[in-house]
């Protein structure tokens, strides 16, 4: 066997060096980390998109509830006349002209299945531990005695951890309860909101 032939066979038997293996593992690890970060960002984006879509649907639901409530407003007036809204459940809370129009938590009538709070799936719920979305309403006279502007705000806390209810900051959702003042919300960076406005007027007999 000539020296040249022996040298070629030795090269064929030679494997990877430790440095080459470590470099390959480093490249593989860096690529895997990048892929995992991309998957995590995509999952978070899908979650936020789902929350936004659910909140938008809840906003639409409450706008319909306010329109439904207006079917009990069957007369008009050119002045402030509490009687014309006496049969309504939500519109009766419109303040007098010149009075500040504030957000409030709507209080459903007795026996109603309406709720200002919704669970993660957008279903009405009155169970404190299931609250995920909260509804606020603001009313203002557009034409005194004839038309009311109704604003609906749905807010929720961005989910930080993996579970729906394990975030200690979710205690703020207690402000969903009817009768509480939603204006006491702190400037929490996790708070997300959707808004919508509509005009409701009396339904003539």
C-alpha atoms as a PDB file:
ATOM      1  CA  UNK A   1       0.000   0.000   0.000  1.00  0.00           C
ATOM      2  CA  UNK A   2       1.453   3.274  -1.009  1.00  0.00           C
ATOM      3  CA  UNK A   3       1.586   6.238   1.431  1.00  0.00           C
ATOM      4  CA  UNK A   4      -0.828   8.209  -0.792  1.00  0.00           C
ATOM      5  CA  UNK A   5      -3.467   5.441  -0.687  1.00  0.00           C
ATOM      6  CA  UNK A   6      -3.153   5.131   3.100  1.00  0.00           C
ATOM      7  CA  UNK A   7      -3.664   8.910   3.457  1.00  0.00           C
ATOM      8  CA  UNK A   8      -6.872   8.862   1.397  1.00  0.00           C
ATOM      9  CA  UNK A   9      -8.297   5.987   3.482  1.00  0.00           C
ATOM     10  CA  UNK A  10      -7.458   7.826   6.692  1.00  0.00           C
ATOM     11  CA  UNK A  11      -9.371  10.867   5.535  1.00  0.00           C
ATOM     12  CA  UNK A  12     -12.437   8.743   4.755  1.00  0.00           C
ATOM     13  CA  UNK A  13     -12.370   7.237   8.269  1.00  0.00           C
ATOM     14  CA  UNK A  14     -12.018  10.629   9.972  1.00  0.00           C
ATOM     15  CA  UNK A  15     -15.198  11.939  11.766  1.00  0.00           C
ATOM     16  CA  UNK A  16     -16.346  15.386  12.960  1.00  0.00           C
ATOM     17  CA  UNK A  17     -14.289  17.203  15.512  1.00  0.00           C
ATOM     18  CA  UNK A  18     -15.721  18.338  18.858  1.00  0.00           C
ATOM     19  CA  UNK A  19     -15.598  21.972  17.729  1.00  0.00           C
ATOM     20  CA  UNK A  20     -17.646  21.199  14.641  1.00  0.00           C
ATOM     21  CA  UNK A  21     -20.243  19.345  16.724  1.00  0.00           C
ATOM     22  CA  UNK A  22     -20.493  22.227  19.218  1.00  0.00           C
ATOM     23  CA  UNK A  23     -20.890  24.755  16.424  1.00  0.00           C
ATOM     24  CA  UNK A  24     -23.652  22.672  14.839  1.00  0.00           C
ATOM     25  CA  UNK A  25     -25.450  22.404  18.180  1.00  0.00           C
ATOM     26  CA  UNK A  26     -25.123  26.156  18.683  1.00  0.00           C
ATOM     27  CA  UNK A  27     -26.667  26.919  15.296  1.00  0.00           C
ATOM     28  CA  UNK A  28     -29.474  24.397  15.939  1.00  0.00           C
ATOM     29  CA  UNK A  29     -30.192  25.890  19.375  1.00  0.00           C
ATOM     30  CA  UNK A  30     -30.293  29.445  18.047  1.00  0.00           C
ATOM     31  CA  UNK A  31     -32.683  28.411  15.305  1.00  0.00           C
ATOM     32  CA  UNK A  32     -34.924  26.536  17.745  1.00  0.00           C
ATOM     33  CA  UNK A  33     -35.114  29.527  20.094  1.00  0.00           C
ATOM     34  CA  UNK A  34     -36.109  31.764  17.201  1.00  0.00           C
ATOM     35  CA  UNK A  35     -38.822  29.359  16.090  1.00  0.00           C
ATOM     36  CA  UNK A  36     -40.217  29.054  19.630  1.00  0.00           C
ATOM     37  CA  UNK A  37     -40.302  32.831  20.013  1.00  0.00           C
ATOM     38  CA  UNK A  38     -42.160  33.093  16.696  1.00  0.00           C
ATOM     39  CA  UNK A  39     -44.706  30.484  17.796  1.00  0.00           C
ATOM     40  CA  UNK A  40     -45.208  32.269  21.118  1.00  0.00           C
ATOM     41  CA  UNK A  41     -45.731  35.640  19.425  1.00  0.00           C
ATOM     42  CA  UNK A  42     -48.178  34.086  16.986  1.00  0.00           C
ATOM     43  CA  UNK A  43     -50.136  32.437  19.801  1.00  0.00           C
ATOM     44  CA  UNK A  44     -50.289  35.709  21.738  1.00  0.00           C
ATOM     45  CA  UNK A  45     -51.451  37.575  18.659  1.00  0.00           C
ATOM     46  CA  UNK A  46     -54.183  35.015  17.989  1.00  0.00           C
ATOM     47  CA  UNK A  47     -55.323  35.268  21.600  1.00  0.00           C
ATOM     48  CA  UNK A  48     -55.551  39.052  21.497  1.00  0.00           C
ATOM     49  CA  UNK A  49     -57.398  38.911  18.182  1.00  0.00           C
ATOM     50  CA  UNK A  50     -59.873  36.454  19.678  1.00  0.00           C
ATOM     51  CA  UNK A  51     -60.427  38.674  22.719  1.00  0.00           C
ATOM     52  CA  UNK A  52     -60.991  41.693  20.496  1.00  0.00           C
ATOM     53  CA  UNK A  53     -63.492  39.810  18.332  1.00  0.00           C
ATOM     54  CA  UNK A  54     -65.379  38.579  21.412  1.00  0.00           C
ATOM     55  CA  UNK A  55     -65.475  42.058  22.956  1.00  0.00           C
ATOM     56  CA  UNK A  56     -66.740  43.533  19.686  1.00  0.00           C
ATOM     57  CA  UNK A  57     -69.545  40.992  19.606  1.00  0.00           C
ATOM     58  CA  UNK A  58     -70.452  41.801  23.228  1.00  0.00           C
ATOM     59  CA  UNK A  59     -70.558  45.478  22.307  1.00  0.00           C
ATOM     60  CA  UNK A  60     -72.987  44.687  19.506  1.00  0.00           C
ATOM     61  CA  UNK A  61     -75.123  42.608  21.885  1.00  0.00           C
ATOM     62  CA  UNK A  62     -75.452  45.472  24.353  1.00  0.00           C
ATOM     63  CA  UNK A  63     -76.278  47.966  21.621  1.00  0.00           C
ATOM     64  CA  UNK A  64     -79.127  45.651  20.630  1.00  0.00           C
ATOM     65  CA  UNK A  65     -80.248  45.455  24.246  1.00  0.00           C
ATOM     66  CA  UNK A  66     -80.438  49.233  24.434  1.00  0.00           C
ATOM     67  CA  UNK A  67     -82.453  49.321  21.215  1.00  0.00           C
ATOM     68  CA  UNK A  68     -84.738  46.657  22.641  1.00  0.00           C
ATOM     69  CA  UNK A  69     -85.123  48.754  25.774  1.00  0.00           C
ATOM     70  CA  UNK A  70     -86.284  51.668  23.624  1.00  0.00           C
ATOM     71  CA  UNK A  71     -89.402  49.687  22.644  1.00  0.00           C
ATOM     72  CA  UNK A  72     -90.722  50.625  26.091  1.00  0.00           C
ATOM     73  CA  UNK A  73     -90.207  54.319  25.267  1.00  0.00           C
ATOM     74  CA  UNK A  74     -93.455  54.976  23.463  1.00  0.00           C
ATOM     75  CA  UNK A  75     -93.891  58.739  23.733  1.00  0.00           C
ATOM     76  CA  UNK A  76     -91.851  61.867  23.111  1.00  0.00           C
ATOM     77  CA  UNK A  77     -91.502  65.148  24.932  1.00  0.00           C
ATOM     78  CA  UNK A  78     -89.867  68.497  24.239  1.00  0.00           C
ATOM     79  CA  UNK A  79     -88.870  68.808  27.887  1.00  0.00           C
ATOM     80  CA  UNK A  80     -87.361  66.556  30.529  1.00  0.00           C
ATOM     81  CA  UNK A  81     -90.222  64.300  31.480  1.00  0.00           C
ATOM     82  CA  UNK A  82     -89.204  61.278  33.582  1.00  0.00           C
ATOM     83  CA  UNK A  83     -92.515  59.600  32.808  1.00  0.00           C
ATOM     84  CA  UNK A  84     -91.629  58.911  29.184  1.00  0.00           C
ATOM     85  CA  UNK A  85     -88.708  56.712  30.213  1.00  0.00           C
ATOM     86  CA  UNK A  86     -90.282  55.221  33.322  1.00  0.00           C
ATOM     87  CA  UNK A  87     -90.926  51.864  31.653  1.00  0.00           C
ATOM     88  CA  UNK A  88     -87.385  51.452  30.354  1.00  0.00           C
ATOM     89  CA  UNK A  89     -84.667  49.594  32.248  1.00  0.00           C
ATOM     90  CA  UNK A  90     -81.477  51.274  31.027  1.00  0.00           C
ATOM     91  CA  UNK A  91     -82.456  54.438  29.156  1.00  0.00           C
ATOM     92  CA  UNK A  92     -84.099  55.879  32.251  1.00  0.00           C
ATOM     93  CA  UNK A  93     -80.597  56.549  33.585  1.00  0.00           C
ATOM     94  CA  UNK A  94     -79.871  59.252  31.003  1.00  0.00           C
ATOM     95  CA  UNK A  95     -78.825  62.416  32.911  1.00  0.00           C
ATOM     96  CA  UNK A  96     -80.469  65.787  32.458  1.00  0.00           C
ATOM     97  CA  UNK A  97     -78.997  68.116  29.804  1.00  0.00           C
ATOM     98  CA  UNK A  98     -76.022  70.015  31.175  1.00  0.00           C
ATOM     99  CA  UNK A  99     -75.194  67.212  33.601  1.00  0.00           C
ATOM    100  CA  UNK A 100     -72.003  65.252  33.074  1.00  0.00           C
ATOM    101  CA  UNK A 101     -72.622  61.987  31.276  1.00  0.00           C
ATOM    102  CA  UNK A 102     -70.666  59.285  33.094  1.00  0.00           C
ATOM    103  CA  UNK A 103     -70.034  55.621  32.439  1.00  0.00           C
ATOM    104  CA  UNK A 104     -72.057  53.248  34.580  1.00  0.00           C
ATOM    105  CA  UNK A 105     -72.529  49.521  34.950  1.00  0.00           C
ATOM    106  CA  UNK A 106     -75.988  48.654  33.581  1.00  0.00           C
ATOM    107  CA  UNK A 107     -78.270  46.933  36.079  1.00  0.00           C
ATOM    108  CA  UNK A 108     -80.545  44.396  34.362  1.00  0.00           C
ATOM    109  CA  UNK A 109     -84.164  44.239  35.501  1.00  0.00           C
ATOM    110  CA  UNK A 110     -85.281  41.513  37.876  1.00  0.00           C
ATOM    111  CA  UNK A 111     -85.803  38.238  36.083  1.00  0.00           C
ATOM    112  CA  UNK A 112     -83.724  39.248  33.077  1.00  0.00           C
ATOM    113  CA  UNK A 113     -80.961  37.046  31.709  1.00  0.00           C
ATOM    114  CA  UNK A 114     -78.971  40.134  30.687  1.00  0.00           C
ATOM    115  CA  UNK A 115     -75.670  40.662  32.438  1.00  0.00           C
ATOM    116  CA  UNK A 116     -73.004  43.381  32.292  1.00  0.00           C
ATOM    117  CA  UNK A 117     -70.347  40.680  32.716  1.00  0.00           C
ATOM    118  CA  UNK A 118     -69.298  37.924  30.342  1.00  0.00           C
ATOM    119  CA  UNK A 119     -67.003  34.943  30.568  1.00  0.00           C
ATOM    120  CA  UNK A 120     -64.005  34.166  28.372  1.00  0.00           C
ATOM    121  CA  UNK A 121     -66.269  32.732  25.690  1.00  0.00           C
ATOM    122  CA  UNK A 122     -68.539  35.790  25.550  1.00  0.00           C
ATOM    123  CA  UNK A 123     -71.429  34.286  27.499  1.00  0.00           C
ATOM    124  CA  UNK A 124     -73.444  36.193  30.111  1.00  0.00           C
ATOM    125  CA  UNK A 125     -72.332  35.272  33.606  1.00  0.00           C
ATOM    126  CA  UNK A 126     -72.902  36.510  37.127  1.00  0.00           C
ATOM    127  CA  UNK A 127     -70.254  34.263  38.696  1.00  0.00           C
ATOM    128  CA  UNK A 128     -67.407  36.437  39.981  1.00  0.00           C
ATOM    129  CA  UNK A 129     -64.679  33.914  39.164  1.00  0.00           C
ATOM    130  CA  UNK A 130     -65.876  33.630  35.551  1.00  0.00           C
ATOM    131  CA  UNK A 131     -65.836  37.359  34.772  1.00  0.00           C
ATOM    132  CA  UNK A 132     -63.611  38.219  31.864  1.00  0.00           C
ATOM    133  CA  UNK A 133     -65.362  41.022  29.951  1.00  0.00           C
ATOM    134  CA  UNK A 134     -67.136  43.975  31.564  1.00  0.00           C
ATOM    135  CA  UNK A 135     -69.744  46.277  29.996  1.00  0.00           C
ATOM    136  CA  UNK A 136     -70.223  49.976  30.701  1.00  0.00           C
ATOM    137  CA  UNK A 137     -72.845  52.293  29.234  1.00  0.00           C
ATOM    138  CA  UNK A 138     -72.966  56.066  28.888  1.00  0.00           C
ATOM    139  CA  UNK A 139     -76.154  57.918  27.930  1.00  0.00           C
ATOM    140  CA  UNK A 140     -76.669  61.499  26.767  1.00  0.00           C
ATOM    141  CA  UNK A 141     -79.627  63.396  25.344  1.00  0.00           C
ATOM    142  CA  UNK A 142     -79.167  64.064  21.651  1.00  0.00           C
ATOM    143  CA  UNK A 143     -82.602  65.641  21.248  1.00  0.00           C
ATOM    144  CA  UNK A 144     -84.266  66.255  24.577  1.00  0.00           C
ATOM    145  CA  UNK A 145     -87.218  63.976  25.034  1.00  0.00           C
ATOM    146  CA  UNK A 146     -86.800  62.381  21.601  1.00  0.00           C
ATOM    147  CA  UNK A 147     -83.410  60.772  21.022  1.00  0.00           C
ATOM    148  CA  UNK A 148     -80.584  59.525  23.197  1.00  0.00           C
ATOM    149  CA  UNK A 149     -76.984  58.837  22.263  1.00  0.00           C
ATOM    150  CA  UNK A 150     -75.816  55.588  23.800  1.00  0.00           C
ATOM    151  CA  UNK A 151     -72.142  54.664  24.113  1.00  0.00           C
ATOM    152  CA  UNK A 152     -71.122  51.108  24.985  1.00  0.00           C
ATOM    153  CA  UNK A 153     -67.695  50.218  26.312  1.00  0.00           C
ATOM    154  CA  UNK A 154     -66.481  46.668  26.813  1.00  0.00           C
ATOM    155  CA  UNK A 155     -63.206  46.266  28.698  1.00  0.00           C
ATOM    156  CA  UNK A 156     -61.097  43.392  29.896  1.00  0.00           C
ATOM    157  CA  UNK A 157     -57.623  42.702  31.239  1.00  0.00           C
ATOM    158  CA  UNK A 158     -55.051  41.297  28.880  1.00  0.00           C
ATOM    159  CA  UNK A 159     -54.244  37.783  29.999  1.00  0.00           C
ATOM    160  CA  UNK A 160     -50.610  37.579  31.080  1.00  0.00           C
ATOM    161  CA  UNK A 161     -50.355  34.029  32.384  1.00  0.00           C
ATOM    162  CA  UNK A 162     -51.615  30.789  30.940  1.00  0.00           C
ATOM    163  CA  UNK A 163     -54.840  30.522  32.923  1.00  0.00           C
ATOM    164  CA  UNK A 164     -57.930  32.671  32.604  1.00  0.00           C
ATOM    165  CA  UNK A 165     -58.333  33.325  36.333  1.00  0.00           C
ATOM    166  CA  UNK A 166     -54.914  32.873  37.930  1.00  0.00           C
ATOM    167  CA  UNK A 167     -53.727  36.446  37.432  1.00  0.00           C
ATOM    168  CA  UNK A 168     -53.950  38.263  40.827  1.00  0.00           C
ATOM    169  CA  UNK A 169     -54.585  41.548  38.994  1.00  0.00           C
ATOM    170  CA  UNK A 170     -57.935  40.219  37.845  1.00  0.00           C
ATOM    171  CA  UNK A 171     -59.394  41.385  41.147  1.00  0.00           C
ATOM    172  CA  UNK A 172     -60.038  44.635  39.284  1.00  0.00           C
ATOM    173  CA  UNK A 173     -62.830  42.802  37.481  1.00  0.00           C
ATOM    174  CA  UNK A 174     -64.860  43.244  40.643  1.00  0.00           C
ATOM    175  CA  UNK A 175     -65.647  46.660  39.238  1.00  0.00           C
ATOM    176  CA  UNK A 176     -67.941  44.904  36.796  1.00  0.00           C
ATOM    177  CA  UNK A 177     -70.481  44.456  39.549  1.00  0.00           C
ATOM    178  CA  UNK A 178     -73.655  46.526  39.083  1.00  0.00           C
ATOM    179  CA  UNK A 179     -73.648  49.639  41.205  1.00  0.00           C
ATOM    180  CA  UNK A 180     -69.892  50.156  41.190  1.00  0.00           C
ATOM    181  CA  UNK A 181     -68.169  53.098  39.537  1.00  0.00           C
ATOM    182  CA  UNK A 182     -66.106  51.982  36.525  1.00  0.00           C
ATOM    183  CA  UNK A 183     -64.414  55.387  36.422  1.00  0.00           C
ATOM    184  CA  UNK A 184     -62.170  54.240  39.271  1.00  0.00           C
ATOM    185  CA  UNK A 185     -60.236  52.033  36.846  1.00  0.00           C
ATOM    186  CA  UNK A 186     -56.510  52.544  37.187  1.00  0.00           C
ATOM    187  CA  UNK A 187     -54.271  53.126  34.197  1.00  0.00           C
ATOM    188  CA  UNK A 188     -53.336  49.477  33.994  1.00  0.00           C
ATOM    189  CA  UNK A 189     -51.422  48.645  30.832  1.00  0.00           C
ATOM    190  CA  UNK A 190     -53.326  45.358  30.622  1.00  0.00           C
ATOM    191  CA  UNK A 191     -56.707  47.023  30.185  1.00  0.00           C
ATOM    192  CA  UNK A 192     -58.121  46.650  26.656  1.00  0.00           C
ATOM    193  CA  UNK A 193     -61.343  48.298  25.469  1.00  0.00           C
ATOM    194  CA  UNK A 194     -63.757  48.410  22.573  1.00  0.00           C
ATOM    195  CA  UNK A 195     -66.237  51.253  21.989  1.00  0.00           C
ATOM    196  CA  UNK A 196     -69.391  51.672  19.974  1.00  0.00           C
ATOM    197  CA  UNK A 197     -72.095  54.323  19.749  1.00  0.00           C
ATOM    198  CA  UNK A 198     -75.683  54.296  18.581  1.00  0.00           C
ATOM    199  CA  UNK A 199     -78.754  56.513  18.688  1.00  0.00           C
ATOM    200  CA  UNK A 200     -82.003  55.299  20.200  1.00  0.00           C
ATOM    201  CA  UNK A 201     -85.320  57.100  19.994  1.00  0.00           C
ATOM    202  CA  UNK A 202     -88.829  56.616  21.182  1.00  0.00           C
ATOM    203  CA  UNK A 203     -91.047  54.077  19.446  1.00  0.00           C
ATOM    204  CA  UNK A 204     -94.343  55.727  18.607  1.00  0.00           C
ATOM    205  CA  UNK A 205     -97.441  53.650  19.244  1.00  0.00           C
END
